[in-house]
Amino acid sequence: MLLNEFLKEHCKVEELKSAVSKQGATIAQQDRKIHEQEATITAAGKGMNAVTARLEEQASQIQKVSGRAPSKQPAPKSSSISERAVSGR
């Protein structure tokens, strides 16, 4: 009877060891994925910073050009010689 109980407990211990081993492998795999995702996030952040810097530079250039551009007043309409001849002017 004592041997039987010992064998049952031994089987339980072996099953638990196996479960712990599988969990350890799963944890290691998840850790690798986390590191890959962190690297991807870092790269995406750097890319976003570069895009933001370019966007700010373009906005600055647009402001400079807008400040130099003449005001948008409609240009006086001049009729060409051919238009005058057609209209009879």
Protein backbone atom coordinates (compact mmCIF):
# COMPACT_ATOMS: atom_id res chain seq x y z
CA MET A 1 0.00 0.00 0.00
CA LEU A 2 2.80 2.39 0.90
CA LEU A 3 4.65 1.59 -2.32
CA ASN A 4 1.46 2.19 -4.33
CA GLU A 5 0.99 5.64 -2.78
CA PHE A 6 4.62 6.47 -3.40
CA LEU A 7 4.31 5.53 -7.08
CA LYS A 8 1.18 7.68 -7.46
CA GLU A 9 2.93 10.67 -5.92
CA HIS A 10 6.01 10.03 -8.03
CA CYS A 11 3.87 10.10 -11.19
CA LYS A 12 2.32 13.38 -10.06
CA VAL A 13 5.76 14.86 -9.48
CA GLU A 14 6.91 13.74 -12.94
CA GLU A 15 3.79 15.26 -14.53
CA LEU A 16 4.41 18.53 -12.69
CA LYS A 17 8.06 18.56 -13.82
CA SER A 18 6.92 18.06 -17.39
CA ALA A 19 4.37 20.88 -17.08
CA VAL A 20 7.00 23.22 -15.62
CA SER A 21 9.38 22.37 -18.44
CA LYS A 22 6.73 23.13 -21.08
CA GLN A 23 5.86 26.38 -19.34
CA GLY A 24 9.53 27.34 -19.27
CA ALA A 25 9.78 26.77 -23.03
CA THR A 26 6.62 28.83 -23.60
CA ILE A 27 7.97 31.65 -21.44
CA ALA A 28 11.26 31.67 -23.35
CA GLN A 29 9.38 31.82 -26.65
CA GLN A 30 7.22 34.68 -25.39
CA ASP A 31 10.30 36.54 -24.19
CA ARG A 32 11.81 36.29 -27.68
CA LYS A 33 8.60 37.64 -29.21
CA ILE A 34 8.53 40.51 -26.72
CA HIS A 35 12.10 41.48 -27.62
CA GLU A 36 11.24 41.36 -31.34
CA GLN A 37 8.18 43.54 -30.78
CA GLU A 38 10.19 46.01 -28.71
CA ALA A 39 12.71 46.29 -31.54
CA THR A 40 9.89 46.81 -34.05
CA ILE A 41 8.31 49.49 -31.86
CA THR A 42 11.66 51.27 -31.48
CA ALA A 43 12.23 51.23 -35.24
CA ALA A 44 8.70 52.51 -35.88
CA GLY A 45 9.23 55.29 -33.35
CA LYS A 46 12.45 56.35 -35.08
CA GLY A 47 10.63 56.33 -38.42
CA MET A 48 7.83 58.45 -37.01
CA ASN A 49 10.36 60.92 -35.62
CA ALA A 50 11.98 61.22 -39.04
CA VAL A 51 8.60 61.78 -40.72
CA THR A 52 7.65 64.37 -38.11
CA ALA A 53 10.93 66.22 -38.63
CA ARG A 54 10.40 66.27 -42.42
CA LEU A 55 6.83 67.46 -41.96
CA GLU A 56 7.95 70.29 -39.68
CA GLU A 57 10.65 71.26 -42.17
CA GLN A 58 8.11 71.34 -45.00
CA ALA A 59 5.71 73.42 -42.90
CA SER A 60 8.53 75.88 -42.21
CA GLN A 61 9.38 76.08 -45.91
CA ILE A 62 5.72 76.63 -46.79
CA GLN A 63 5.52 79.48 -44.30
CA LYS A 64 8.65 81.08 -45.75
CA VAL A 65 7.31 80.78 -49.29
CA SER A 66 3.89 82.05 -48.24
CA GLY A 67 5.51 85.10 -46.69
CA ARG A 68 7.39 85.86 -49.93
CA ALA A 69 4.50 85.17 -52.31
CA PRO A 70 2.57 88.17 -53.57
CA SER A 71 -1.00 88.47 -52.41
CA LYS A 72 -3.45 86.67 -54.61
CA GLN A 73 -5.35 89.38 -56.40
CA PRO A 74 -7.06 88.51 -59.63
CA ALA A 75 -4.87 89.57 -62.51
CA PRO A 76 -6.49 92.08 -64.86
CA LYS A 77 -7.92 90.30 -67.82
CA SER A 78 -6.29 91.39 -71.01
CA SER A 79 -7.89 90.47 -74.25
CA SER A 80 -5.72 89.28 -77.03
CA ILE A 81 -5.80 90.71 -80.52
CA SER A 82 -7.60 87.64 -81.86
CA GLU A 83 -10.30 87.97 -79.18
CA ARG A 84 -10.84 91.64 -80.09
CA ALA A 85 -11.13 90.79 -83.74
CA VAL A 86 -13.76 88.13 -83.01
CA SER A 87 -15.79 90.37 -80.71
CA GLY A 88 -15.56 93.33 -83.04
CA ARG A 89 -13.68 95.72 -80.76
